[in-house]
Amino acid sequence: MVQDEPNGEIVAASDRPREKKPNFFQRIAIFIRQVFAELRKVVTPTRQELGKYSLVSLGFVVVMMAIVYGLDVLFVWMVNWVFGTPGGA
């Protein structure tokens, strides 16, 4: 075991020479190749799947809007009940 001086961590000693870090432009090229490799894995949905996904998303948004609207009405009613309406008798 060897102690790493900069931060005091203990690491295993290795007789292997360190791999040389690629230069800036090589790292950009590697990144772009990896991006294209990941994009090749993407599966495009069919027309029917796209329609289903869209309807599910819109349905979720409508349900969440209804919940937020209901909570807003409830809180307005509670505030009016606790503090009363301004100028009311």
Protein backbone atom coordinates (compact mmCIF):
# COMPACT_ATOMS: atom_id res chain seq x y z
CA MET A 1 0.00 0.00 0.00
CA VAL A 2 1.16 3.48 -0.82
CA GLN A 3 -0.14 6.73 0.57
CA ASP A 4 -1.29 9.25 -2.01
CA GLU A 5 0.27 12.54 -0.91
CA PRO A 6 -2.14 15.23 -2.24
CA ASN A 7 -5.19 14.14 -0.26
CA GLY A 8 -3.79 11.50 2.11
CA GLU A 9 -5.76 8.56 0.68
CA ILE A 10 -4.23 5.12 0.71
CA VAL A 11 -4.14 3.43 -2.67
CA ALA A 12 -2.74 0.15 -3.94
CA ALA A 13 0.67 0.39 -5.52
CA SER A 14 0.87 -0.59 -9.17
CA ASP A 15 3.89 -1.35 -11.29
CA ARG A 16 1.90 -0.52 -14.41
CA PRO A 17 2.68 2.85 -15.98
CA ARG A 18 -0.23 5.26 -16.03
CA GLU A 19 -2.23 5.52 -19.22
CA LYS A 20 -1.61 8.74 -21.03
CA LYS A 21 -4.64 11.02 -21.03
CA PRO A 22 -5.87 11.86 -24.55
CA ASN A 23 -5.48 15.48 -25.57
CA PHE A 24 -8.40 17.92 -25.76
CA PHE A 25 -9.28 17.28 -29.42
CA GLN A 26 -9.08 13.49 -29.01
CA ARG A 27 -11.48 13.69 -26.06
CA ILE A 28 -13.94 15.75 -28.15
CA ALA A 29 -13.73 13.16 -30.96
CA ILE A 30 -14.32 10.32 -28.48
CA PHE A 31 -17.30 12.16 -27.02
CA ILE A 32 -18.87 12.72 -30.46
CA ARG A 33 -18.34 9.04 -31.39
CA GLN A 34 -20.03 7.99 -28.13
CA VAL A 35 -22.95 10.35 -28.78
CA PHE A 36 -23.53 8.84 -32.23
CA ALA A 37 -23.23 5.32 -30.80
CA GLU A 38 -25.94 6.14 -28.23
CA LEU A 39 -28.15 7.75 -30.88
CA ARG A 40 -28.02 4.52 -32.91
CA LYS A 41 -29.63 2.75 -29.92
CA VAL A 42 -32.67 5.07 -29.89
CA VAL A 43 -35.91 3.43 -31.00
CA THR A 44 -38.44 5.72 -32.69
CA PRO A 45 -42.04 5.07 -31.57
CA THR A 46 -44.67 4.08 -34.11
CA ARG A 47 -47.56 6.40 -34.97
CA GLN A 48 -49.90 4.51 -32.63
CA GLU A 49 -47.40 4.57 -29.76
CA LEU A 50 -46.80 8.28 -30.27
CA GLY A 51 -50.55 8.93 -30.12
CA LYS A 52 -50.90 6.88 -26.91
CA TYR A 53 -47.92 8.63 -25.28
CA SER A 54 -49.33 12.04 -26.23
CA LEU A 55 -52.78 11.23 -24.81
CA VAL A 56 -51.27 9.87 -21.59
CA SER A 57 -49.16 13.02 -21.20
CA LEU A 58 -52.12 15.34 -21.86
CA GLY A 59 -54.28 13.32 -19.47
CA PHE A 60 -51.66 13.60 -16.75
CA VAL A 61 -51.40 17.37 -17.26
CA VAL A 62 -55.21 17.74 -17.06
CA VAL A 63 -55.35 15.69 -13.84
CA MET A 64 -52.53 17.73 -12.27
CA MET A 65 -54.24 21.00 -13.31
CA ALA A 66 -57.46 19.78 -11.65
CA ILE A 67 -55.61 18.93 -8.44
CA VAL A 68 -53.85 22.32 -8.33
CA TYR A 69 -57.12 24.13 -9.11
CA GLY A 70 -58.91 22.21 -6.35
CA LEU A 71 -56.19 23.01 -3.83
CA ASP A 72 -56.28 26.67 -4.86
CA VAL A 73 -60.05 26.86 -4.34
CA LEU A 74 -59.70 25.08 -0.98
CA PHE A 75 -56.98 27.46 0.23
CA VAL A 76 -58.94 30.53 -0.90
CA TRP A 77 -61.99 29.22 1.01
CA MET A 78 -59.86 28.55 4.11
CA VAL A 79 -58.24 31.99 4.03
CA ASN A 80 -61.64 33.67 3.63
CA TRP A 81 -63.04 31.57 6.48
CA VAL A 82 -60.10 32.36 8.83
CA PHE A 83 -59.60 36.04 7.99
CA GLY A 84 -63.01 36.96 6.56
CA THR A 85 -63.66 38.94 3.43
CA PRO A 86 -62.30 42.49 3.37
CA GLY A 87 -64.95 45.12 4.03
CA GLY A 88 -67.50 42.46 4.99
CA ALA A 89 -69.93 43.03 7.86
